[in-house]
Amino acid sequence: MLENHDLLKEYRKSIDNIDAALVFLLAERFRITRKVGFYKKEHDLPPGDPEREEQQIARLKELSKTADLDPEFSRKFLKFITEEVIRHHQRIRDYS
């Protein structure tokens, strides 16, 4: 029985490592989207780009199928991130 607990610990350690990598990837993504926000402000572009968002959703749905991940989950995840990015872009536009 102890072996099973050791295996569970190993699984959880892997999950923890993946979660850490996701946090750092998201942080890097937001550093780049912040630069996009300043670019959009400088060039008087709107905070959101619905056409780009739809293209990204379609692209991620296809990637999800290849990765054996629920495409609806990918859509929701991207939607969440996109809403946060647009909020940041709006703040940059309003306060910078």
PDB file of N, CA and C in Angstrom:
ATOM      1  N   MET A   1       0.819  -1.196   0.000  1.00  0.00           N
ATOM      2  CA  MET A   1       0.000   0.000   0.000  1.00  0.00           C
ATOM      3  C   MET A   1       0.867   1.267   0.000  1.00  0.00           C
ATOM      4  N   LEU A   2       1.992   1.233   0.667  1.00  0.00           N
ATOM      5  CA  LEU A   2       2.888   2.380   0.712  1.00  0.00           C
ATOM      6  C   LEU A   2       3.372   2.753  -0.673  1.00  0.00           C
ATOM      7  N   GLU A   3       3.618   1.756  -1.527  1.00  0.00           N
ATOM      8  CA  GLU A   3       4.045   2.029  -2.898  1.00  0.00           C
ATOM      9  C   GLU A   3       3.038   2.910  -3.621  1.00  0.00           C
ATOM     10  N   ASN A   4       1.769   2.657  -3.432  1.00  0.00           N
ATOM     11  CA  ASN A   4       0.731   3.451  -4.089  1.00  0.00           C
ATOM     12  C   ASN A   4       0.789   4.897  -3.640  1.00  0.00           C
ATOM     13  N   HIS A   5       1.055   5.126  -2.371  1.00  0.00           N
ATOM     14  CA  HIS A   5       1.170   6.491  -1.872  1.00  0.00           C
ATOM     15  C   HIS A   5       2.406   7.183  -2.448  1.00  0.00           C
ATOM     16  N   ASP A   6       3.479   6.413  -2.610  1.00  0.00           N
ATOM     17  CA  ASP A   6       4.678   6.972  -3.237  1.00  0.00           C
ATOM     18  C   ASP A   6       4.384   7.364  -4.680  1.00  0.00           C
ATOM     19  N   LEU A   7       3.633   6.534  -5.360  1.00  0.00           N
ATOM     20  CA  LEU A   7       3.257   6.829  -6.740  1.00  0.00           C
ATOM     21  C   LEU A   7       2.387   8.087  -6.800  1.00  0.00           C
ATOM     22  N   LEU A   8       1.457   8.204  -5.862  1.00  0.00           N
ATOM     23  CA  LEU A   8       0.611   9.395  -5.799  1.00  0.00           C
ATOM     24  C   LEU A   8       1.460  10.637  -5.564  1.00  0.00           C
ATOM     25  N   LYS A   9       2.443  10.527  -4.680  1.00  0.00           N
ATOM     26  CA  LYS A   9       3.344  11.659  -4.425  1.00  0.00           C
ATOM     27  C   LYS A   9       4.091  12.060  -5.697  1.00  0.00           C
ATOM     28  N   GLU A  10       4.536  11.076  -6.456  1.00  0.00           N
ATOM     29  CA  GLU A  10       5.237  11.361  -7.715  1.00  0.00           C
ATOM     30  C   GLU A  10       4.312  12.045  -8.721  1.00  0.00           C
ATOM     31  N   TYR A  11       3.093  11.552  -8.829  1.00  0.00           N
ATOM     32  CA  TYR A  11       2.117  12.207  -9.715  1.00  0.00           C
ATOM     33  C   TYR A  11       1.911  13.663  -9.304  1.00  0.00           C
ATOM     34  N   ARG A  12       1.729  13.859  -8.013  1.00  0.00           N
ATOM     35  CA  ARG A  12       1.487  15.221  -7.518  1.00  0.00           C
ATOM     36  C   ARG A  12       2.699  16.121  -7.716  1.00  0.00           C
ATOM     37  N   LYS A  13       3.887  15.557  -7.568  1.00  0.00           N
ATOM     38  CA  LYS A  13       5.099  16.335  -7.811  1.00  0.00           C
ATOM     39  C   LYS A  13       5.143  16.779  -9.277  1.00  0.00           C
ATOM     40  N   SER A  14       4.802  15.892 -10.171  1.00  0.00           N
ATOM     41  CA  SER A  14       4.752  16.250 -11.602  1.00  0.00           C
ATOM     42  C   SER A  14       3.715  17.327 -11.861  1.00  0.00           C
ATOM     43  N   ILE A  15       2.561  17.196 -11.254  1.00  0.00           N
ATOM     44  CA  ILE A  15       1.506  18.206 -11.404  1.00  0.00           C
ATOM     45  C   ILE A  15       1.992  19.550 -10.881  1.00  0.00           C
ATOM     46  N   ASP A  16       2.661  19.553  -9.735  1.00  0.00           N
ATOM     47  CA  ASP A  16       3.191  20.795  -9.166  1.00  0.00           C
ATOM     48  C   ASP A  16       4.197  21.443 -10.115  1.00  0.00           C
ATOM     49  N   ASN A  17       5.049  20.639 -10.733  1.00  0.00           N
ATOM     50  CA  ASN A  17       6.024  21.169 -11.688  1.00  0.00           C
ATOM     51  C   ASN A  17       5.334  21.777 -12.904  1.00  0.00           C
ATOM     52  N   ILE A  18       4.326  21.107 -13.384  1.00  0.00           N
ATOM     53  CA  ILE A  18       3.572  21.619 -14.539  1.00  0.00           C
ATOM     54  C   ILE A  18       2.871  22.918 -14.163  1.00  0.00           C
ATOM     55  N   ASP A  19       2.258  22.954 -12.993  1.00  0.00           N
ATOM     56  CA  ASP A  19       1.590  24.186 -12.542  1.00  0.00           C
ATOM     57  C   ASP A  19       2.576  25.345 -12.463  1.00  0.00           C
ATOM     58  N   ALA A  20       3.777  25.087 -11.954  1.00  0.00           N
ATOM     59  CA  ALA A  20       4.795  26.142 -11.878  1.00  0.00           C
ATOM     60  C   ALA A  20       5.160  26.623 -13.280  1.00  0.00           C
ATOM     61  N   ALA A  21       5.330  25.703 -14.201  1.00  0.00           N
ATOM     62  CA  ALA A  21       5.651  26.082 -15.581  1.00  0.00           C
ATOM     63  C   ALA A  21       4.525  26.919 -16.189  1.00  0.00           C
ATOM     64  N   LEU A  22       3.289  26.540 -15.919  1.00  0.00           N
ATOM     65  CA  LEU A  22       2.146  27.309 -16.431  1.00  0.00           C
ATOM     66  C   LEU A  22       2.145  28.736 -15.895  1.00  0.00           C
ATOM     67  N   VAL A  23       2.452  28.893 -14.622  1.00  0.00           N
ATOM     68  CA  VAL A  23       2.492  30.234 -14.026  1.00  0.00           C
ATOM     69  C   VAL A  23       3.547  31.089 -14.721  1.00  0.00           C
ATOM     70  N   PHE A  24       4.729  30.517 -14.935  1.00  0.00           N
ATOM     71  CA  PHE A  24       5.788  31.282 -15.589  1.00  0.00           C
ATOM     72  C   PHE A  24       5.459  31.568 -17.049  1.00  0.00           C
ATOM     73  N   LEU A  25       4.816  30.639 -17.728  1.00  0.00           N
ATOM     74  CA  LEU A  25       4.391  30.884 -19.117  1.00  0.00           C
ATOM     75  C   LEU A  25       3.335  31.981 -19.183  1.00  0.00           C
ATOM     76  N   LEU A  26       2.385  31.941 -18.262  1.00  0.00           N
ATOM     77  CA  LEU A  26       1.363  32.992 -18.233  1.00  0.00           C
ATOM     78  C   LEU A  26       1.985  34.349 -17.922  1.00  0.00           C
ATOM     79  N   ALA A  27       2.937  34.376 -17.007  1.00  0.00           N
ATOM     80  CA  ALA A  27       3.599  35.636 -16.678  1.00  0.00           C
ATOM     81  C   ALA A  27       4.306  36.197 -17.909  1.00  0.00           C
ATOM     82  N   GLU A  28       4.982  35.353 -18.650  1.00  0.00           N
ATOM     83  CA  GLU A  28       5.664  35.798 -19.871  1.00  0.00           C
ATOM     84  C   GLU A  28       4.649  36.269 -20.914  1.00  0.00           C
ATOM     85  N   ARG A  29       3.553  35.560 -21.031  1.00  0.00           N
ATOM     86  CA  ARG A  29       2.507  35.960 -21.974  1.00  0.00           C
ATOM     87  C   ARG A  29       1.977  37.350 -21.627  1.00  0.00           C
ATOM     88  N   PHE A  30       1.744  37.595 -20.350  1.00  0.00           N
ATOM     89  CA  PHE A  30       1.226  38.892 -19.938  1.00  0.00           C
ATOM     90  C   PHE A  30       2.262  40.003 -20.070  1.00  0.00           C
ATOM     91  N   ARG A  31       3.550  39.676 -19.931  1.00  0.00           N
ATOM     92  CA  ARG A  31       4.583  40.688 -20.197  1.00  0.00           C
ATOM     93  C   ARG A  31       4.521  41.137 -21.656  1.00  0.00           C
ATOM     94  N   ILE A  32       4.314  40.178 -22.545  1.00  0.00           N
ATOM     95  CA  ILE A  32       4.241  40.506 -23.973  1.00  0.00           C
ATOM     96  C   ILE A  32       2.950  41.239 -24.295  1.00  0.00           C
ATOM     97  N   THR A  33       1.829  40.784 -23.735  1.00  0.00           N
ATOM     98  CA  THR A  33       0.564  41.471 -24.038  1.00  0.00           C
ATOM     99  C   THR A  33       0.554  42.886 -23.459  1.00  0.00           C
ATOM    100  N   ARG A  34       1.324  43.124 -22.403  1.00  0.00           N
ATOM    101  CA  ARG A  34       1.452  44.494 -21.882  1.00  0.00           C
ATOM    102  C   ARG A  34       2.113  45.386 -22.935  1.00  0.00           C
ATOM    103  N   LYS A  35       3.144  44.867 -23.587  1.00  0.00           N
ATOM    104  CA  LYS A  35       3.792  45.616 -24.665  1.00  0.00           C
ATOM    105  C   LYS A  35       2.799  45.875 -25.802  1.00  0.00           C
ATOM    106  N   VAL A  36       1.977  44.882 -26.089  1.00  0.00           N
ATOM    107  CA  VAL A  36       0.939  45.058 -27.113  1.00  0.00           C
ATOM    108  C   VAL A  36      -0.012  46.176 -26.690  1.00  0.00           C
ATOM    109  N   GLY A  37      -0.360  46.221 -25.417  1.00  0.00           N
ATOM    110  CA  GLY A  37      -1.252  47.269 -24.914  1.00  0.00           C
ATOM    111  C   GLY A  37      -0.685  48.660 -25.142  1.00  0.00           C
ATOM    112  N   PHE A  38       0.608  48.829 -24.879  1.00  0.00           N
ATOM    113  CA  PHE A  38       1.239  50.134 -25.122  1.00  0.00           C
ATOM    114  C   PHE A  38       1.318  50.442 -26.618  1.00  0.00           C
ATOM    115  N   TYR A  39       1.564  49.420 -27.419  1.00  0.00           N
ATOM    116  CA  TYR A  39       1.584  49.609 -28.875  1.00  0.00           C
ATOM    117  C   TYR A  39       0.208  50.068 -29.358  1.00  0.00           C
ATOM    118  N   LYS A  40      -0.828  49.408 -28.860  1.00  0.00           N
ATOM    119  CA  LYS A  40      -2.190  49.773 -29.260  1.00  0.00           C
ATOM    120  C   LYS A  40      -2.516  51.198 -28.840  1.00  0.00           C
ATOM    121  N   LYS A  41      -2.078  51.593 -27.647  1.00  0.00           N
ATOM    122  CA  LYS A  41      -2.326  52.964 -27.196  1.00  0.00           C
ATOM    123  C   LYS A  41      -1.611  53.945 -28.111  1.00  0.00           C
ATOM    124  N   GLU A  42      -0.353  53.671 -28.387  1.00  0.00           N
ATOM    125  CA  GLU A  42       0.458  54.561 -29.224  1.00  0.00           C
ATOM    126  C   GLU A  42      -0.136  54.729 -30.619  1.00  0.00           C
ATOM    127  N   HIS A  43      -0.751  53.672 -31.127  1.00  0.00           N
ATOM    128  CA  HIS A  43      -1.298  53.703 -32.481  1.00  0.00           C
ATOM    129  C   HIS A  43      -2.825  53.852 -32.497  1.00  0.00           C
ATOM    130  N   ASP A  44      -3.377  54.218 -31.351  1.00  0.00           N
ATOM    131  CA  ASP A  44      -4.812  54.461 -31.204  1.00  0.00           C
ATOM    132  C   ASP A  44      -5.657  53.282 -31.706  1.00  0.00           C
ATOM    133  N   LEU A  45      -5.269  52.089 -31.283  1.00  0.00           N
ATOM    134  CA  LEU A  45      -6.017  50.884 -31.629  1.00  0.00           C
ATOM    135  C   LEU A  45      -6.881  50.480 -30.439  1.00  0.00           C
ATOM    136  N   PRO A  46      -8.011  49.843 -30.684  1.00  0.00           N
ATOM    137  CA  PRO A  46      -8.884  49.435 -29.572  1.00  0.00           C
ATOM    138  C   PRO A  46      -8.233  48.341 -28.727  1.00  0.00           C
ATOM    139  N   PRO A  47      -8.615  48.253 -27.457  1.00  0.00           N
ATOM    140  CA  PRO A  47      -8.040  47.245 -26.561  1.00  0.00           C
ATOM    141  C   PRO A  47      -8.287  45.805 -27.029  1.00  0.00           C
ATOM    142  N   GLY A  48      -9.439  45.554 -27.626  1.00  0.00           N
ATOM    143  CA  GLY A  48      -9.778  44.209 -28.083  1.00  0.00           C
ATOM    144  C   GLY A  48      -9.761  44.114 -29.593  1.00  0.00           C
ATOM    145  N   ASP A  49      -9.608  42.888 -30.081  1.00  0.00           N
ATOM    146  CA  ASP A  49      -9.625  42.621 -31.514  1.00  0.00           C
ATOM    147  C   ASP A  49     -10.446  41.350 -31.730  1.00  0.00           C
ATOM    148  N   PRO A  50     -11.773  41.498 -31.863  1.00  0.00           N
ATOM    149  CA  PRO A  50     -12.652  40.323 -31.966  1.00  0.00           C
ATOM    150  C   PRO A  50     -12.279  39.361 -33.101  1.00  0.00           C
ATOM    151  N   GLU A  51     -11.809  39.888 -34.212  1.00  0.00           N
ATOM    152  CA  GLU A  51     -11.429  39.008 -35.316  1.00  0.00           C
ATOM    153  C   GLU A  51     -10.236  38.128 -34.922  1.00  0.00           C
ATOM    154  N   ARG A  52      -9.246  38.728 -34.316  1.00  0.00           N
ATOM    155  CA  ARG A  52      -8.072  37.986 -33.839  1.00  0.00           C
ATOM    156  C   ARG A  52      -8.484  36.953 -32.791  1.00  0.00           C
ATOM    157  N   GLU A  53      -9.383  37.349 -31.894  1.00  0.00           N
ATOM    158  CA  GLU A  53      -9.841  36.437 -30.846  1.00  0.00           C
ATOM    159  C   GLU A  53     -10.503  35.208 -31.452  1.00  0.00           C
ATOM    160  N   GLU A  54     -11.335  35.405 -32.459  1.00  0.00           N
ATOM    161  CA  GLU A  54     -12.006  34.277 -33.114  1.00  0.00           C
ATOM    162  C   GLU A  54     -10.998  33.374 -33.814  1.00  0.00           C
ATOM    163  N   GLN A  55      -9.995  33.977 -34.445  1.00  0.00           N
ATOM    164  CA  GLN A  55      -8.942  33.180 -35.100  1.00  0.00           C
ATOM    165  C   GLN A  55      -8.191  32.340 -34.072  1.00  0.00           C
ATOM    166  N   GLN A  56      -7.897  32.948 -32.927  1.00  0.00           N
ATOM    167  CA  GLN A  56      -7.175  32.230 -31.881  1.00  0.00           C
ATOM    168  C   GLN A  56      -8.012  31.087 -31.307  1.00  0.00           C
ATOM    169  N   ILE A  57      -9.293  31.325 -31.129  1.00  0.00           N
ATOM    170  CA  ILE A  57     -10.174  30.272 -30.618  1.00  0.00           C
ATOM    171  C   ILE A  57     -10.196  29.098 -31.590  1.00  0.00           C
ATOM    172  N   ALA A  58     -10.334  29.381 -32.875  1.00  0.00           N
ATOM    173  CA  ALA A  58     -10.349  28.315 -33.882  1.00  0.00           C
ATOM    174  C   ALA A  58      -9.017  27.560 -33.886  1.00  0.00           C
ATOM    175  N   ARG A  59      -7.918  28.300 -33.794  1.00  0.00           N
ATOM    176  CA  ARG A  59      -6.592  27.681 -33.791  1.00  0.00           C
ATOM    177  C   ARG A  59      -6.414  26.775 -32.573  1.00  0.00           C
ATOM    178  N   LEU A  60      -6.826  27.271 -31.399  1.00  0.00           N
ATOM    179  CA  LEU A  60      -6.674  26.465 -30.190  1.00  0.00           C
ATOM    180  C   LEU A  60      -7.593  25.248 -30.182  1.00  0.00           C
ATOM    181  N   LYS A  61      -8.759  25.381 -30.786  1.00  0.00           N
ATOM    182  CA  LYS A  61      -9.646  24.215 -30.882  1.00  0.00           C
ATOM    183  C   LYS A  61      -8.976  23.105 -31.681  1.00  0.00           C
ATOM    184  N   GLU A  62      -8.326  23.464 -32.772  1.00  0.00           N
ATOM    185  CA  GLU A  62      -7.617  22.475 -33.580  1.00  0.00           C
ATOM    186  C   GLU A  62      -6.436  21.887 -32.805  1.00  0.00           C
ATOM    187  N   LEU A  63      -5.676  22.735 -32.145  1.00  0.00           N
ATOM    188  CA  LEU A  63      -4.567  22.238 -31.330  1.00  0.00           C
ATOM    189  C   LEU A  63      -5.065  21.307 -30.225  1.00  0.00           C
ATOM    190  N   SER A  64      -6.198  21.646 -29.656  1.00  0.00           N
ATOM    191  CA  SER A  64      -6.768  20.823 -28.582  1.00  0.00           C
ATOM    192  C   SER A  64      -7.102  19.425 -29.080  1.00  0.00           C
ATOM    193  N   LYS A  65      -7.653  19.359 -30.269  1.00  0.00           N
ATOM    194  CA  LYS A  65      -7.983  18.041 -30.830  1.00  0.00           C
ATOM    195  C   LYS A  65      -6.715  17.208 -30.991  1.00  0.00           C
ATOM    196  N   THR A  66      -5.666  17.830 -31.499  1.00  0.00           N
ATOM    197  CA  THR A  66      -4.391  17.138 -31.688  1.00  0.00           C
ATOM    198  C   THR A  66      -3.816  16.687 -30.343  1.00  0.00           C
ATOM    199  N   ALA A  67      -3.986  17.515 -29.324  1.00  0.00           N
ATOM    200  CA  ALA A  67      -3.428  17.225 -27.996  1.00  0.00           C
ATOM    201  C   ALA A  67      -4.342  16.358 -27.143  1.00  0.00           C
ATOM    202  N   ASP A  68      -5.495  15.981 -27.690  1.00  0.00           N
ATOM    203  CA  ASP A  68      -6.481  15.191 -26.945  1.00  0.00           C
ATOM    204  C   ASP A  68      -6.949  15.936 -25.689  1.00  0.00           C
ATOM    205  N   LEU A  69      -7.252  17.223 -25.886  1.00  0.00           N
ATOM    206  CA  LEU A  69      -7.765  18.088 -24.829  1.00  0.00           C
ATOM    207  C   LEU A  69      -9.134  18.593 -25.268  1.00  0.00           C
ATOM    208  N   ASP A  70     -10.039  18.717 -24.352  1.00  0.00           N
ATOM    209  CA  ASP A  70     -11.386  19.182 -24.667  1.00  0.00           C
ATOM    210  C   ASP A  70     -11.323  20.572 -25.300  1.00  0.00           C
ATOM    211  N   PRO A  71     -11.746  20.718 -26.561  1.00  0.00           N
ATOM    212  CA  PRO A  71     -11.706  22.024 -27.227  1.00  0.00           C
ATOM    213  C   PRO A  71     -12.522  23.094 -26.504  1.00  0.00           C
ATOM    214  N   GLU A  72     -13.590  22.696 -25.853  1.00  0.00           N
ATOM    215  CA  GLU A  72     -14.407  23.665 -25.118  1.00  0.00           C
ATOM    216  C   GLU A  72     -13.629  24.222 -23.926  1.00  0.00           C
ATOM    217  N   PHE A  73     -12.843  23.385 -23.285  1.00  0.00           N
ATOM    218  CA  PHE A  73     -11.994  23.858 -22.197  1.00  0.00           C
ATOM    219  C   PHE A  73     -11.006  24.893 -22.726  1.00  0.00           C
ATOM    220  N   SER A  74     -10.394  24.609 -23.858  1.00  0.00           N
ATOM    221  CA  SER A  74      -9.438  25.548 -24.457  1.00  0.00           C
ATOM    222  C   SER A  74     -10.110  26.872 -24.784  1.00  0.00           C
ATOM    223  N   ARG A  75     -11.321  26.806 -25.310  1.00  0.00           N
ATOM    224  CA  ARG A  75     -12.053  28.025 -25.646  1.00  0.00           C
ATOM    225  C   ARG A  75     -12.304  28.858 -24.389  1.00  0.00           C
ATOM    226  N   LYS A  76     -12.769  28.214 -23.351  1.00  0.00           N
ATOM    227  CA  LYS A  76     -13.051  28.918 -22.098  1.00  0.00           C
ATOM    228  C   LYS A  76     -11.772  29.509 -21.496  1.00  0.00           C
ATOM    229  N   PHE A  77     -10.706  28.753 -21.546  1.00  0.00           N
ATOM    230  CA  PHE A  77      -9.428  29.207 -20.996  1.00  0.00           C
ATOM    231  C   PHE A  77      -8.930  30.429 -21.758  1.00  0.00           C
ATOM    232  N   LEU A  78      -8.961  30.367 -23.083  1.00  0.00           N
ATOM    233  CA  LEU A  78      -8.519  31.507 -23.897  1.00  0.00           C
ATOM    234  C   LEU A  78      -9.429  32.705 -23.679  1.00  0.00           C
ATOM    235  N   LYS A  79     -10.718  32.470 -23.561  1.00  0.00           N
ATOM    236  CA  LYS A  79     -11.670  33.566 -23.320  1.00  0.00           C
ATOM    237  C   LYS A  79     -11.328  34.273 -22.006  1.00  0.00           C
ATOM    238  N   PHE A  80     -11.045  33.500 -20.979  1.00  0.00           N
ATOM    239  CA  PHE A  80     -10.679  34.064 -19.681  1.00  0.00           C
ATOM    240  C   PHE A  80      -9.422  34.926 -19.804  1.00  0.00           C
ATOM    241  N   ILE A  81      -8.398  34.394 -20.461  1.00  0.00           N
ATOM    242  CA  ILE A  81      -7.150  35.134 -20.625  1.00  0.00           C
ATOM    243  C   ILE A  81      -7.380  36.389 -21.458  1.00  0.00           C
ATOM    244  N   THR A  82      -8.116  36.260 -22.541  1.00  0.00           N
ATOM    245  CA  THR A  82      -8.372  37.393 -23.432  1.00  0.00           C
ATOM    246  C   THR A  82      -9.107  38.515 -22.696  1.00  0.00           C
ATOM    247  N   GLU A  83     -10.085  38.169 -21.898  1.00  0.00           N
ATOM    248  CA  GLU A  83     -10.812  39.188 -21.129  1.00  0.00           C
ATOM    249  C   GLU A  83      -9.870  39.930 -20.190  1.00  0.00           C
ATOM    250  N   GLU A  84      -8.962  39.210 -19.567  1.00  0.00           N
ATOM    251  CA  GLU A  84      -8.003  39.831 -18.659  1.00  0.00           C
ATOM    252  C   GLU A  84      -7.046  40.741 -19.431  1.00  0.00           C
ATOM    253  N   VAL A  85      -6.574  40.290 -20.580  1.00  0.00           N
ATOM    254  CA  VAL A  85      -5.673  41.097 -21.417  1.00  0.00           C
ATOM    255  C   VAL A  85      -6.375  42.383 -21.853  1.00  0.00           C
ATOM    256  N   ILE A  86      -7.612  42.276 -22.296  1.00  0.00           N
ATOM    257  CA  ILE A  86      -8.362  43.462 -22.734  1.00  0.00           C
ATOM    258  C   ILE A  86      -8.533  44.435 -21.572  1.00  0.00           C
ATOM    259  N   ARG A  87      -8.787  43.910 -20.389  1.00  0.00           N
ATOM    260  CA  ARG A  87      -8.911  44.764 -19.203  1.00  0.00           C
ATOM    261  C   ARG A  87      -7.601  45.506 -18.954  1.00  0.00           C
ATOM    262  N   HIS A  88      -6.483  44.796 -19.086  1.00  0.00           N
ATOM    263  CA  HIS A  88      -5.169  45.433 -18.922  1.00  0.00           C
ATOM    264  C   HIS A  88      -4.944  46.490 -20.002  1.00  0.00           C
ATOM    265  N   HIS A  89      -5.296  46.184 -21.233  1.00  0.00           N
ATOM    266  CA  HIS A  89      -5.123  47.145 -22.327  1.00  0.00           C
ATOM    267  C   HIS A  89      -5.968  48.388 -22.099  1.00  0.00           C
ATOM    268  N   GLN A  90      -7.168  48.199 -21.582  1.00  0.00           N
ATOM    269  CA  GLN A  90      -8.041  49.338 -21.291  1.00  0.00           C
ATOM    270  C   GLN A  90      -7.422  50.215 -20.211  1.00  0.00           C
ATOM    271  N   ARG A  91      -6.849  49.586 -19.194  1.00  0.00           N
ATOM    272  CA  ARG A  91      -6.178  50.345 -18.125  1.00  0.00           C
ATOM    273  C   ARG A  91      -4.995  51.132 -18.668  1.00  0.00           C
ATOM    274  N   ILE A  92      -4.207  50.487 -19.536  1.00  0.00           N
ATOM    275  CA  ILE A  92      -3.068  51.183 -20.155  1.00  0.00           C
ATOM    276  C   ILE A  92      -3.569  52.378 -20.947  1.00  0.00           C
ATOM    277  N   ARG A  93      -4.616  52.190 -21.680  1.00  0.00           N
ATOM    278  CA  ARG A  93      -5.183  53.251 -22.518  1.00  0.00           C
ATOM    279  C   ARG A  93      -5.693  54.416 -21.657  1.00  0.00           C
ATOM    280  N   ASP A  94      -6.310  54.079 -20.537  1.00  0.00           N
ATOM    281  CA  ASP A  94      -6.935  55.098 -19.687  1.00  0.00           C
ATOM    282  C   ASP A  94      -5.965  55.806 -18.753  1.00  0.00           C
ATOM    283  N   TYR A  95      -4.914  55.118 -18.303  1.00  0.00           N
ATOM    284  CA  TYR A  95      -4.095  55.676 -17.224  1.00  0.00           C
ATOM    285  C   TYR A  95      -2.640  55.906 -17.555  1.00  0.00           C
ATOM    286  N   SER A  96      -2.198  55.535 -18.737  1.00  0.00           N
ATOM    287  CA  SER A  96      -0.767  55.732 -19.047  1.00  0.00           C
ATOM    288  C   SER A  96      -0.538  56.991 -19.812  1.00  0.00           C
TER     289      SER A  96
END
